[in-house]
Amino acid sequence: MFSFNKQVLERSKIIPVIVEFSADGCGPCQWVENLMIDIHAENADRFEFVSIPITMHEEAAQLFDLRSNPTLIIFQQGEAIAKLAGALPKMAVLQWIDDHLK
């Protein structure tokens, strides 16, 4: 069973974790998940990646003020440090990651 606290918040104290919050049947969410799998494969030493359906963690939608799907959030040291909403091109996502994971 997935534990948000253990697999995201606690893990982010060791290595940053990027979480994609998605919705079932959301085409852009699937596109971003595939994009992030590719980006992670090229940057596995920099961060971990997890995709979480909002329906599994509705409390996260409220806690992190998620208003659109997909939304990416970078967690570091147990805290959400950056949020990016929508399906953006690879270069924009890479720039966002680089801006926050220096």
PDB file of N, CA and C in Angstrom:
ATOM      1  N   MET A   1       0.839  -1.189   0.000  1.00  0.00           N
ATOM      2  CA  MET A   1       0.000   0.000   0.000  1.00  0.00           C
ATOM      3  C   MET A   1       0.880   1.247   0.000  1.00  0.00           C
ATOM      4  N   PHE A   2       0.490   2.230  -0.790  1.00  0.00           N
ATOM      5  CA  PHE A   2       1.246   3.465  -0.919  1.00  0.00           C
ATOM      6  C   PHE A   2       1.047   4.349   0.309  1.00  0.00           C
ATOM      7  N   SER A   3       2.142   4.847   0.848  1.00  0.00           N
ATOM      8  CA  SER A   3       2.092   5.769   1.979  1.00  0.00           C
ATOM      9  C   SER A   3       2.708   7.093   1.545  1.00  0.00           C
ATOM     10  N   PHE A   4       1.866   8.131   1.388  1.00  0.00           N
ATOM     11  CA  PHE A   4       2.358   9.434   0.953  1.00  0.00           C
ATOM     12  C   PHE A   4       3.429   9.944   1.903  1.00  0.00           C
ATOM     13  N   ASN A   5       3.177   9.821   3.189  1.00  0.00           N
ATOM     14  CA  ASN A   5       4.134  10.307   4.182  1.00  0.00           C
ATOM     15  C   ASN A   5       5.483   9.609   4.041  1.00  0.00           C
ATOM     16  N   LYS A   6       5.458   8.289   3.916  1.00  0.00           N
ATOM     17  CA  LYS A   6       6.705   7.525   3.854  1.00  0.00           C
ATOM     18  C   LYS A   6       7.388   7.636   2.493  1.00  0.00           C
ATOM     19  N   GLN A   7       6.625   7.465   1.415  1.00  0.00           N
ATOM     20  CA  GLN A   7       7.226   7.383   0.091  1.00  0.00           C
ATOM     21  C   GLN A   7       7.470   8.736  -0.567  1.00  0.00           C
ATOM     22  N   VAL A   8       6.902   9.787  -0.022  1.00  0.00           N
ATOM     23  CA  VAL A   8       7.158  11.117  -0.578  1.00  0.00           C
ATOM     24  C   VAL A   8       7.839  12.000   0.462  1.00  0.00           C
ATOM     25  N   LEU A   9       7.144  12.306   1.541  1.00  0.00           N
ATOM     26  CA  LEU A   9       7.685  13.265   2.507  1.00  0.00           C
ATOM     27  C   LEU A   9       8.968  12.769   3.164  1.00  0.00           C
ATOM     28  N   GLU A  10       8.965  11.560   3.681  1.00  0.00           N
ATOM     29  CA  GLU A  10      10.177  11.033   4.330  1.00  0.00           C
ATOM     30  C   GLU A  10      11.295  10.804   3.316  1.00  0.00           C
ATOM     31  N   ARG A  11      10.945  10.238   2.162  1.00  0.00           N
ATOM     32  CA  ARG A  11      11.957   9.962   1.128  1.00  0.00           C
ATOM     33  C   ARG A  11      12.598  11.256   0.632  1.00  0.00           C
ATOM     34  N   SER A  12      11.832  12.348   0.577  1.00  0.00           N
ATOM     35  CA  SER A  12      12.364  13.615   0.067  1.00  0.00           C
ATOM     36  C   SER A  12      13.400  14.235   0.996  1.00  0.00           C
ATOM     37  N   LYS A  13      13.550  13.672   2.185  1.00  0.00           N
ATOM     38  CA  LYS A  13      14.617  14.130   3.080  1.00  0.00           C
ATOM     39  C   LYS A  13      15.957  13.537   2.658  1.00  0.00           C
ATOM     40  N   ILE A  14      15.919  12.498   1.814  1.00  0.00           N
ATOM     41  CA  ILE A  14      17.130  11.845   1.313  1.00  0.00           C
ATOM     42  C   ILE A  14      17.439  12.305  -0.108  1.00  0.00           C
ATOM     43  N   ILE A  15      16.425  12.312  -0.964  1.00  0.00           N
ATOM     44  CA  ILE A  15      16.556  12.731  -2.361  1.00  0.00           C
ATOM     45  C   ILE A  15      15.255  13.440  -2.735  1.00  0.00           C
ATOM     46  N   PRO A  16      15.315  14.522  -3.527  1.00  0.00           N
ATOM     47  CA  PRO A  16      14.067  15.181  -3.924  1.00  0.00           C
ATOM     48  C   PRO A  16      13.123  14.197  -4.620  1.00  0.00           C
ATOM     49  N   VAL A  17      11.829  14.417  -4.418  1.00  0.00           N
ATOM     50  CA  VAL A  17      10.804  13.586  -5.049  1.00  0.00           C
ATOM     51  C   VAL A  17       9.873  14.509  -5.833  1.00  0.00           C
ATOM     52  N   ILE A  18       9.684  14.195  -7.112  1.00  0.00           N
ATOM     53  CA  ILE A  18       8.715  14.928  -7.923  1.00  0.00           C
ATOM     54  C   ILE A  18       7.478  14.054  -8.039  1.00  0.00           C
ATOM     55  N   VAL A  19       6.341  14.635  -7.650  1.00  0.00           N
ATOM     56  CA  VAL A  19       5.075  13.914  -7.683  1.00  0.00           C
ATOM     57  C   VAL A  19       4.192  14.514  -8.764  1.00  0.00           C
ATOM     58  N   GLU A  20       3.634  13.638  -9.598  1.00  0.00           N
ATOM     59  CA  GLU A  20       2.599  14.060 -10.536  1.00  0.00           C
ATOM     60  C   GLU A  20       1.268  13.656  -9.931  1.00  0.00           C
ATOM     61  N   PHE A  21       0.415  14.636  -9.668  1.00  0.00           N
ATOM     62  CA  PHE A  21      -0.950  14.370  -9.242  1.00  0.00           C
ATOM     63  C   PHE A  21      -1.801  14.352 -10.503  1.00  0.00           C
ATOM     64  N   SER A  22      -2.514  13.247 -10.717  1.00  0.00           N
ATOM     65  CA  SER A  22      -3.249  13.061 -11.961  1.00  0.00           C
ATOM     66  C   SER A  22      -4.673  12.598 -11.684  1.00  0.00           C
ATOM     67  N   ALA A  23      -5.451  12.538 -12.758  1.00  0.00           N
ATOM     68  CA  ALA A  23      -6.831  12.060 -12.661  1.00  0.00           C
ATOM     69  C   ALA A  23      -7.029  10.920 -13.649  1.00  0.00           C
ATOM     70  N   ASP A  24      -7.871   9.976 -13.279  1.00  0.00           N
ATOM     71  CA  ASP A  24      -8.185   8.865 -14.172  1.00  0.00           C
ATOM     72  C   ASP A  24      -8.824   9.395 -15.453  1.00  0.00           C
ATOM     73  N   GLY A  25      -8.422   8.835 -16.583  1.00  0.00           N
ATOM     74  CA  GLY A  25      -8.999   9.221 -17.859  1.00  0.00           C
ATOM     75  C   GLY A  25      -8.542  10.568 -18.374  1.00  0.00           C
ATOM     76  N   CYS A  26      -7.512  11.130 -17.789  1.00  0.00           N
ATOM     77  CA  CYS A  26      -6.987  12.446 -18.174  1.00  0.00           C
ATOM     78  C   CYS A  26      -5.848  12.251 -19.174  1.00  0.00           C
ATOM     79  N   GLY A  27      -6.096  12.577 -20.445  1.00  0.00           N
ATOM     80  CA  GLY A  27      -5.074  12.422 -21.482  1.00  0.00           C
ATOM     81  C   GLY A  27      -3.801  13.199 -21.191  1.00  0.00           C
ATOM     82  N   PRO A  28      -3.901  14.493 -20.844  1.00  0.00           N
ATOM     83  CA  PRO A  28      -2.694  15.249 -20.526  1.00  0.00           C
ATOM     84  C   PRO A  28      -1.919  14.661 -19.337  1.00  0.00           C
ATOM     85  N   CYS A  29      -2.641  14.066 -18.386  1.00  0.00           N
ATOM     86  CA  CYS A  29      -1.972  13.442 -17.233  1.00  0.00           C
ATOM     87  C   CYS A  29      -1.105  12.277 -17.689  1.00  0.00           C
ATOM     88  N   GLN A  30      -1.626  11.455 -18.581  1.00  0.00           N
ATOM     89  CA  GLN A  30      -0.853  10.322 -19.091  1.00  0.00           C
ATOM     90  C   GLN A  30       0.356  10.815 -19.875  1.00  0.00           C
ATOM     91  N   TRP A  31       0.170  11.883 -20.650  1.00  0.00           N
ATOM     92  CA  TRP A  31       1.270  12.454 -21.427  1.00  0.00           C
ATOM     93  C   TRP A  31       2.380  12.946 -20.492  1.00  0.00           C
ATOM     94  N   VAL A  32       1.998  13.669 -19.432  1.00  0.00           N
ATOM     95  CA  VAL A  32       2.989  14.180 -18.477  1.00  0.00           C
ATOM     96  C   VAL A  32       3.661  13.031 -17.736  1.00  0.00           C
ATOM     97  N   GLU A  33       2.912  12.004 -17.380  1.00  0.00           N
ATOM     98  CA  GLU A  33       3.523  10.855 -16.710  1.00  0.00           C
ATOM     99  C   GLU A  33       4.594  10.222 -17.601  1.00  0.00           C
ATOM    100  N   ASN A  34       4.279  10.023 -18.881  1.00  0.00           N
ATOM    101  CA  ASN A  34       5.271   9.456 -19.805  1.00  0.00           C
ATOM    102  C   ASN A  34       6.470  10.381 -19.968  1.00  0.00           C
ATOM    103  N   LEU A  35       6.215  11.686 -20.050  1.00  0.00           N
ATOM    104  CA  LEU A  35       7.299  12.664 -20.148  1.00  0.00           C
ATOM    105  C   LEU A  35       8.197  12.592 -18.919  1.00  0.00           C
ATOM    106  N   MET A  36       7.590  12.534 -17.736  1.00  0.00           N
ATOM    107  CA  MET A  36       8.373  12.491 -16.503  1.00  0.00           C
ATOM    108  C   MET A  36       9.145  11.184 -16.360  1.00  0.00           C
ATOM    109  N   ILE A  37       8.603  10.089 -16.858  1.00  0.00           N
ATOM    110  CA  ILE A  37       9.346   8.826 -16.846  1.00  0.00           C
ATOM    111  C   ILE A  37      10.607   8.976 -17.689  1.00  0.00           C
ATOM    112  N   ASP A  38      10.480   9.614 -18.852  1.00  0.00           N
ATOM    113  CA  ASP A  38      11.651   9.856 -19.709  1.00  0.00           C
ATOM    114  C   ASP A  38      12.649  10.800 -19.043  1.00  0.00           C
ATOM    115  N   ILE A  39      12.152  11.901 -18.484  1.00  0.00           N
ATOM    116  CA  ILE A  39      13.034  12.869 -17.820  1.00  0.00           C
ATOM    117  C   ILE A  39      13.729  12.212 -16.633  1.00  0.00           C
ATOM    118  N   HIS A  40      12.988  11.433 -15.863  1.00  0.00           N
ATOM    119  CA  HIS A  40      13.585  10.759 -14.712  1.00  0.00           C
ATOM    120  C   HIS A  40      14.671   9.780 -15.151  1.00  0.00           C
ATOM    121  N   ALA A  41      14.443   9.069 -16.244  1.00  0.00           N
ATOM    122  CA  ALA A  41      15.442   8.113 -16.740  1.00  0.00           C
ATOM    123  C   ALA A  41      16.763   8.816 -17.048  1.00  0.00           C
ATOM    124  N   GLU A  42      16.684  10.068 -17.476  1.00  0.00           N
ATOM    125  CA  GLU A  42      17.877  10.855 -17.797  1.00  0.00           C
ATOM    126  C   GLU A  42      18.467  11.548 -16.569  1.00  0.00           C
ATOM    127  N   ASN A  43      17.717  11.578 -15.467  1.00  0.00           N
ATOM    128  CA  ASN A  43      18.121  12.338 -14.270  1.00  0.00           C
ATOM    129  C   ASN A  43      17.897  11.556 -12.983  1.00  0.00           C
ATOM    130  N   ALA A  44      18.010  10.249 -13.033  1.00  0.00           N
ATOM    131  CA  ALA A  44      17.678   9.400 -11.878  1.00  0.00           C
ATOM    132  C   ALA A  44      18.515   9.713 -10.646  1.00  0.00           C
ATOM    133  N   ASP A  45      19.691  10.281 -10.835  1.00  0.00           N
ATOM    134  CA  ASP A  45      20.545  10.620  -9.697  1.00  0.00           C
ATOM    135  C   ASP A  45      20.121  11.922  -9.016  1.00  0.00           C
ATOM    136  N   ARG A  46      19.219  12.685  -9.648  1.00  0.00           N
ATOM    137  CA  ARG A  46      18.809  13.985  -9.112  1.00  0.00           C
ATOM    138  C   ARG A  46      17.518  13.950  -8.310  1.00  0.00           C
ATOM    139  N   PHE A  47      16.604  13.040  -8.674  1.00  0.00           N
ATOM    140  CA  PHE A  47      15.306  12.995  -8.010  1.00  0.00           C
ATOM    141  C   PHE A  47      14.626  11.659  -8.274  1.00  0.00           C
ATOM    142  N   GLU A  48      13.590  11.389  -7.472  1.00  0.00           N
ATOM    143  CA  GLU A  48      12.714  10.247  -7.713  1.00  0.00           C
ATOM    144  C   GLU A  48      11.394  10.786  -8.250  1.00  0.00           C
ATOM    145  N   PHE A  49      10.672   9.948  -8.983  1.00  0.00           N
ATOM    146  CA  PHE A  49       9.392  10.351  -9.569  1.00  0.00           C
ATOM    147  C   PHE A  49       8.291   9.390  -9.149  1.00  0.00           C
ATOM    148  N   VAL A  50       7.142   9.967  -8.776  1.00  0.00           N
ATOM    149  CA  VAL A  50       5.968   9.184  -8.392  1.00  0.00           C
ATOM    150  C   VAL A  50       4.741   9.829  -9.031  1.00  0.00           C
ATOM    151  N   SER A  51       3.871   9.021  -9.601  1.00  0.00           N
ATOM    152  CA  SER A  51       2.589   9.510 -10.113  1.00  0.00           C
ATOM    153  C   SER A  51       1.490   9.019  -9.178  1.00  0.00           C
ATOM    154  N   ILE A  52       0.649   9.949  -8.742  1.00  0.00           N
ATOM    155  CA  ILE A  52      -0.396   9.621  -7.770  1.00  0.00           C
ATOM    156  C   ILE A  52      -1.757  10.074  -8.301  1.00  0.00           C
ATOM    157  N   PRO A  53      -2.698   9.149  -8.443  1.00  0.00           N
ATOM    158  CA  PRO A  53      -4.062   9.558  -8.805  1.00  0.00           C
ATOM    159  C   PRO A  53      -4.697  10.340  -7.648  1.00  0.00           C
ATOM    160  N   ILE A  54      -5.291  11.463  -7.979  1.00  0.00           N
ATOM    161  CA  ILE A  54      -5.935  12.301  -6.960  1.00  0.00           C
ATOM    162  C   ILE A  54      -6.972  11.504  -6.175  1.00  0.00           C
ATOM    163  N   THR A  55      -7.653  10.573  -6.842  1.00  0.00           N
ATOM    164  CA  THR A  55      -8.680   9.796  -6.148  1.00  0.00           C
ATOM    165  C   THR A  55      -8.102   8.964  -5.010  1.00  0.00           C
ATOM    166  N   MET A  56      -6.812   8.641  -5.073  1.00  0.00           N
ATOM    167  CA  MET A  56      -6.162   7.900  -3.991  1.00  0.00           C
ATOM    168  C   MET A  56      -5.817   8.801  -2.815  1.00  0.00           C
ATOM    169  N   HIS A  57      -5.620  10.094  -3.099  1.00  0.00           N
ATOM    170  CA  HIS A  57      -5.171  11.025  -2.059  1.00  0.00           C
ATOM    171  C   HIS A  57      -5.892  12.361  -2.202  1.00  0.00           C
ATOM    172  N   GLU A  58      -7.201  12.334  -1.993  1.00  0.00           N
ATOM    173  CA  GLU A  58      -7.989  13.558  -2.116  1.00  0.00           C
ATOM    174  C   GLU A  58      -7.556  14.620  -1.115  1.00  0.00           C
ATOM    175  N   GLU A  59      -7.040  14.182   0.041  1.00  0.00           N
ATOM    176  CA  GLU A  59      -6.574  15.163   1.031  1.00  0.00           C
ATOM    177  C   GLU A  59      -5.390  15.957   0.497  1.00  0.00           C
ATOM    178  N   ALA A  60      -4.599  15.357  -0.378  1.00  0.00           N
ATOM    179  CA  ALA A  60      -3.465  16.071  -0.977  1.00  0.00           C
ATOM    180  C   ALA A  60      -3.956  17.197  -1.871  1.00  0.00           C
ATOM    181  N   ALA A  61      -5.056  16.975  -2.571  1.00  0.00           N
ATOM    182  CA  ALA A  61      -5.620  18.013  -3.433  1.00  0.00           C
ATOM    183  C   ALA A  61      -5.954  19.255  -2.625  1.00  0.00           C
ATOM    184  N   GLN A  62      -6.476  19.051  -1.435  1.00  0.00           N
ATOM    185  CA  GLN A  62      -6.796  20.183  -0.576  1.00  0.00           C
ATOM    186  C   GLN A  62      -5.538  20.771   0.051  1.00  0.00           C
ATOM    187  N   LEU A  63      -4.688  19.912   0.566  1.00  0.00           N
ATOM    188  CA  LEU A  63      -3.484  20.365   1.258  1.00  0.00           C
ATOM    189  C   LEU A  63      -2.569  21.181   0.352  1.00  0.00           C
ATOM    190  N   PHE A  64      -2.414  20.739  -0.905  1.00  0.00           N
ATOM    191  CA  PHE A  64      -1.498  21.415  -1.829  1.00  0.00           C
ATOM    192  C   PHE A  64      -2.227  22.302  -2.828  1.00  0.00           C
ATOM    193  N   ASP A  65      -3.510  22.574  -2.586  1.00  0.00           N
ATOM    194  CA  ASP A  65      -4.315  23.482  -3.400  1.00  0.00           C
ATOM    195  C   ASP A  65      -4.219  23.128  -4.886  1.00  0.00           C
ATOM    196  N   LEU A  66      -4.487  21.857  -5.190  1.00  0.00           N
ATOM    197  CA  LEU A  66      -4.417  21.391  -6.575  1.00  0.00           C
ATOM    198  C   LEU A  66      -5.708  21.768  -7.285  1.00  0.00           C
ATOM    199  N   ARG A  67      -5.567  22.593  -8.321  1.00  0.00           N
ATOM    200  CA  ARG A  67      -6.742  23.086  -9.035  1.00  0.00           C
ATOM    201  C   ARG A  67      -6.843  22.562 -10.453  1.00  0.00           C
ATOM    202  N   SER A  68      -5.786  21.904 -10.936  1.00  0.00           N
ATOM    203  CA  SER A  68      -5.838  21.350 -12.286  1.00  0.00           C
ATOM    204  C   SER A  68      -5.007  20.080 -12.354  1.00  0.00           C
ATOM    205  N   ASN A  69      -5.348  19.275 -13.343  1.00  0.00           N
ATOM    206  CA  ASN A  69      -4.612  18.037 -13.587  1.00  0.00           C
ATOM    207  C   ASN A  69      -4.007  18.100 -14.977  1.00  0.00           C
ATOM    208  N   PRO A  70      -2.803  17.681 -15.114  1.00  0.00           N
ATOM    209  CA  PRO A  70      -1.886  17.205 -14.082  1.00  0.00           C
ATOM    210  C   PRO A  70      -1.204  18.366 -13.357  1.00  0.00           C
ATOM    211  N   THR A  71      -0.720  18.092 -12.157  1.00  0.00           N
ATOM    212  CA  THR A  71       0.101  19.044 -11.413  1.00  0.00           C
ATOM    213  C   THR A  71       1.326  18.309 -10.899  1.00  0.00           C
ATOM    214  N   LEU A  72       2.492  18.907 -11.124  1.00  0.00           N
ATOM    215  CA  LEU A  72       3.752  18.381 -10.600  1.00  0.00           C
ATOM    216  C   LEU A  72       4.143  19.190  -9.377  1.00  0.00           C
ATOM    217  N   ILE A  73       4.611  18.507  -8.341  1.00  0.00           N
ATOM    218  CA  ILE A  73       5.129  19.184  -7.153  1.00  0.00           C
ATOM    219  C   ILE A  73       6.471  18.564  -6.802  1.00  0.00           C
ATOM    220  N   ILE A  74       7.448  19.424  -6.534  1.00  0.00           N
ATOM    221  CA  ILE A  74       8.755  18.964  -6.065  1.00  0.00           C
ATOM    222  C   ILE A  74       8.745  19.004  -4.542  1.00  0.00           C
ATOM    223  N   PHE A  75       9.103  17.876  -3.936  1.00  0.00           N
ATOM    224  CA  PHE A  75       9.239  17.781  -2.483  1.00  0.00           C
ATOM    225  C   PHE A  75      10.713  17.615  -2.150  1.00  0.00           C
ATOM    226  N   GLN A  76      11.172  18.417  -1.195  1.00  0.00           N
ATOM    227  CA  GLN A  76      12.558  18.344  -0.746  1.00  0.00           C
ATOM    228  C   GLN A  76      12.569  18.613   0.751  1.00  0.00           C
ATOM    229  N   GLN A  77      13.321  17.795   1.486  1.00  0.00           N
ATOM    230  CA  GLN A  77      13.401  17.928   2.937  1.00  0.00           C
ATOM    231  C   GLN A  77      12.017  17.897   3.588  1.00  0.00           C
ATOM    232  N   GLY A  78      11.127  17.074   3.032  1.00  0.00           N
ATOM    233  CA  GLY A  78       9.802  16.903   3.612  1.00  0.00           C
ATOM    234  C   GLY A  78       8.817  18.015   3.323  1.00  0.00           C
ATOM    235  N   GLU A  79       9.182  18.946   2.443  1.00  0.00           N
ATOM    236  CA  GLU A  79       8.339  20.098   2.135  1.00  0.00           C
ATOM    237  C   GLU A  79       8.088  20.204   0.638  1.00  0.00           C
ATOM    238  N   ALA A  80       6.908  20.721   0.276  1.00  0.00           N
ATOM    239  CA  ALA A  80       6.625  21.053  -1.119  1.00  0.00           C
ATOM    240  C   ALA A  80       7.338  22.365  -1.416  1.00  0.00           C
ATOM    241  N   ILE A  81       8.240  22.352  -2.405  1.00  0.00           N
ATOM    242  CA  ILE A  81       9.014  23.565  -2.691  1.00  0.00           C
ATOM    243  C   ILE A  81       8.648  24.229  -4.010  1.00  0.00           C
ATOM    244  N   ALA A  82       7.955  23.514  -4.905  1.00  0.00           N
ATOM    245  CA  ALA A  82       7.582  24.103  -6.191  1.00  0.00           C
ATOM    246  C   ALA A  82       6.423  23.326  -6.790  1.00  0.00           C
ATOM    247  N   LYS A  83       5.574  24.052  -7.526  1.00  0.00           N
ATOM    248  CA  LYS A  83       4.401  23.433  -8.147  1.00  0.00           C
ATOM    249  C   LYS A  83       4.300  23.909  -9.590  1.00  0.00           C
ATOM    250  N   LEU A  84       3.942  22.978 -10.484  1.00  0.00           N
ATOM    251  CA  LEU A  84       3.780  23.284 -11.906  1.00  0.00           C
ATOM    252  C   LEU A  84       2.517  22.590 -12.398  1.00  0.00           C
ATOM    253  N   ALA A  85       1.575  23.360 -12.908  1.00  0.00           N
ATOM    254  CA  ALA A  85       0.311  22.784 -13.374  1.00  0.00           C
ATOM    255  C   ALA A  85       0.255  22.766 -14.893  1.00  0.00           C
ATOM    256  N   GLY A  86      -0.354  21.714 -15.417  1.00  0.00           N
ATOM    257  CA  GLY A  86      -0.579  21.614 -16.849  1.00  0.00           C
ATOM    258  C   GLY A  86       0.419  20.727 -17.561  1.00  0.00           C
ATOM    259  N   ALA A  87       0.129  20.494 -18.832  1.00  0.00           N
ATOM    260  CA  ALA A  87       0.985  19.664 -19.686  1.00  0.00           C
ATOM    261  C   ALA A  87       1.874  20.583 -20.511  1.00  0.00           C
ATOM    262  N   LEU A  88       3.089  20.776 -20.053  1.00  0.00           N
ATOM    263  CA  LEU A  88       4.026  21.679 -20.711  1.00  0.00           C
ATOM    264  C   LEU A  88       5.062  20.891 -21.504  1.00  0.00           C
ATOM    265  N   PRO A  89       5.724  21.549 -22.463  1.00  0.00           N
ATOM    266  CA  PRO A  89       6.756  20.866 -23.246  1.00  0.00           C
ATOM    267  C   PRO A  89       7.935  20.423 -22.375  1.00  0.00           C
ATOM    268  N   LYS A  90       8.663  19.442 -22.871  1.00  0.00           N
ATOM    269  CA  LYS A  90       9.788  18.869 -22.130  1.00  0.00           C
ATOM    270  C   LYS A  90      10.778  19.937 -21.686  1.00  0.00           C
ATOM    271  N   MET A  91      11.134  20.856 -22.564  1.00  0.00           N
ATOM    272  CA  MET A  91      12.133  21.873 -22.205  1.00  0.00           C
ATOM    273  C   MET A  91      11.644  22.757 -21.062  1.00  0.00           C
ATOM    274  N   ALA A  92      10.363  23.071 -21.037  1.00  0.00           N
ATOM    275  CA  ALA A  92       9.814  23.893 -19.951  1.00  0.00           C
ATOM    276  C   ALA A  92       9.856  23.135 -18.626  1.00  0.00           C
ATOM    277  N   VAL A  93       9.541  21.850 -18.665  1.00  0.00           N
ATOM    278  CA  VAL A  93       9.576  21.040 -17.441  1.00  0.00           C
ATOM    279  C   VAL A  93      11.012  20.887 -16.955  1.00  0.00           C
ATOM    280  N   LEU A  94      11.939  20.641 -17.876  1.00  0.00           N
ATOM    281  CA  LEU A  94      13.357  20.536 -17.494  1.00  0.00           C
ATOM    282  C   LEU A  94      13.859  21.831 -16.872  1.00  0.00           C
ATOM    283  N   GLN A  95      13.470  22.969 -17.440  1.00  0.00           N
ATOM    284  CA  GLN A  95      13.889  24.260 -16.890  1.00  0.00           C
ATOM    285  C   GLN A  95      13.330  24.449 -15.486  1.00  0.00           C
ATOM    286  N   TRP A  96      12.069  24.080 -15.287  1.00  0.00           N
ATOM    287  CA  TRP A  96      11.432  24.174 -13.970  1.00  0.00           C
ATOM    288  C   TRP A  96      12.186  23.315 -12.960  1.00  0.00           C
ATOM    289  N   ILE A  97      12.530  22.088 -13.353  1.00  0.00           N
ATOM    290  CA  ILE A  97      13.288  21.203 -12.467  1.00  0.00           C
ATOM    291  C   ILE A  97      14.647  21.816 -12.154  1.00  0.00           C
ATOM    292  N   ASP A  98      15.341  22.284 -13.184  1.00  0.00           N
ATOM    293  CA  ASP A  98      16.666  22.889 -12.980  1.00  0.00           C
ATOM    294  C   ASP A  98      16.596  24.114 -12.074  1.00  0.00           C
ATOM    295  N   ASP A  99      15.549  24.912 -12.218  1.00  0.00           N
ATOM    296  CA  ASP A  99      15.397  26.114 -11.390  1.00  0.00           C
ATOM    297  C   ASP A  99      15.250  25.779  -9.907  1.00  0.00           C
ATOM    298  N   HIS A 100      14.680  24.614  -9.606  1.00  0.00           N
ATOM    299  CA  HIS A 100      14.385  24.278  -8.211  1.00  0.00           C
ATOM    300  C   HIS A 100      15.291  23.218  -7.602  1.00  0.00           C
ATOM    301  N   LEU A 101      16.022  22.488  -8.428  1.00  0.00           N
ATOM    302  CA  LEU A 101      16.941  21.461  -7.917  1.00  0.00           C
ATOM    303  C   LEU A 101      18.363  21.825  -8.298  1.00  0.00           C
ATOM    304  N   LYS A 102      18.883  22.813  -7.633  1.00  0.00           N
ATOM    305  CA  LYS A 102      20.241  23.284  -7.943  1.00  0.00           C
ATOM    306  C   LYS A 102      21.260  22.535  -7.133  1.00  0.00           C
TER     307      LYS A 102
END
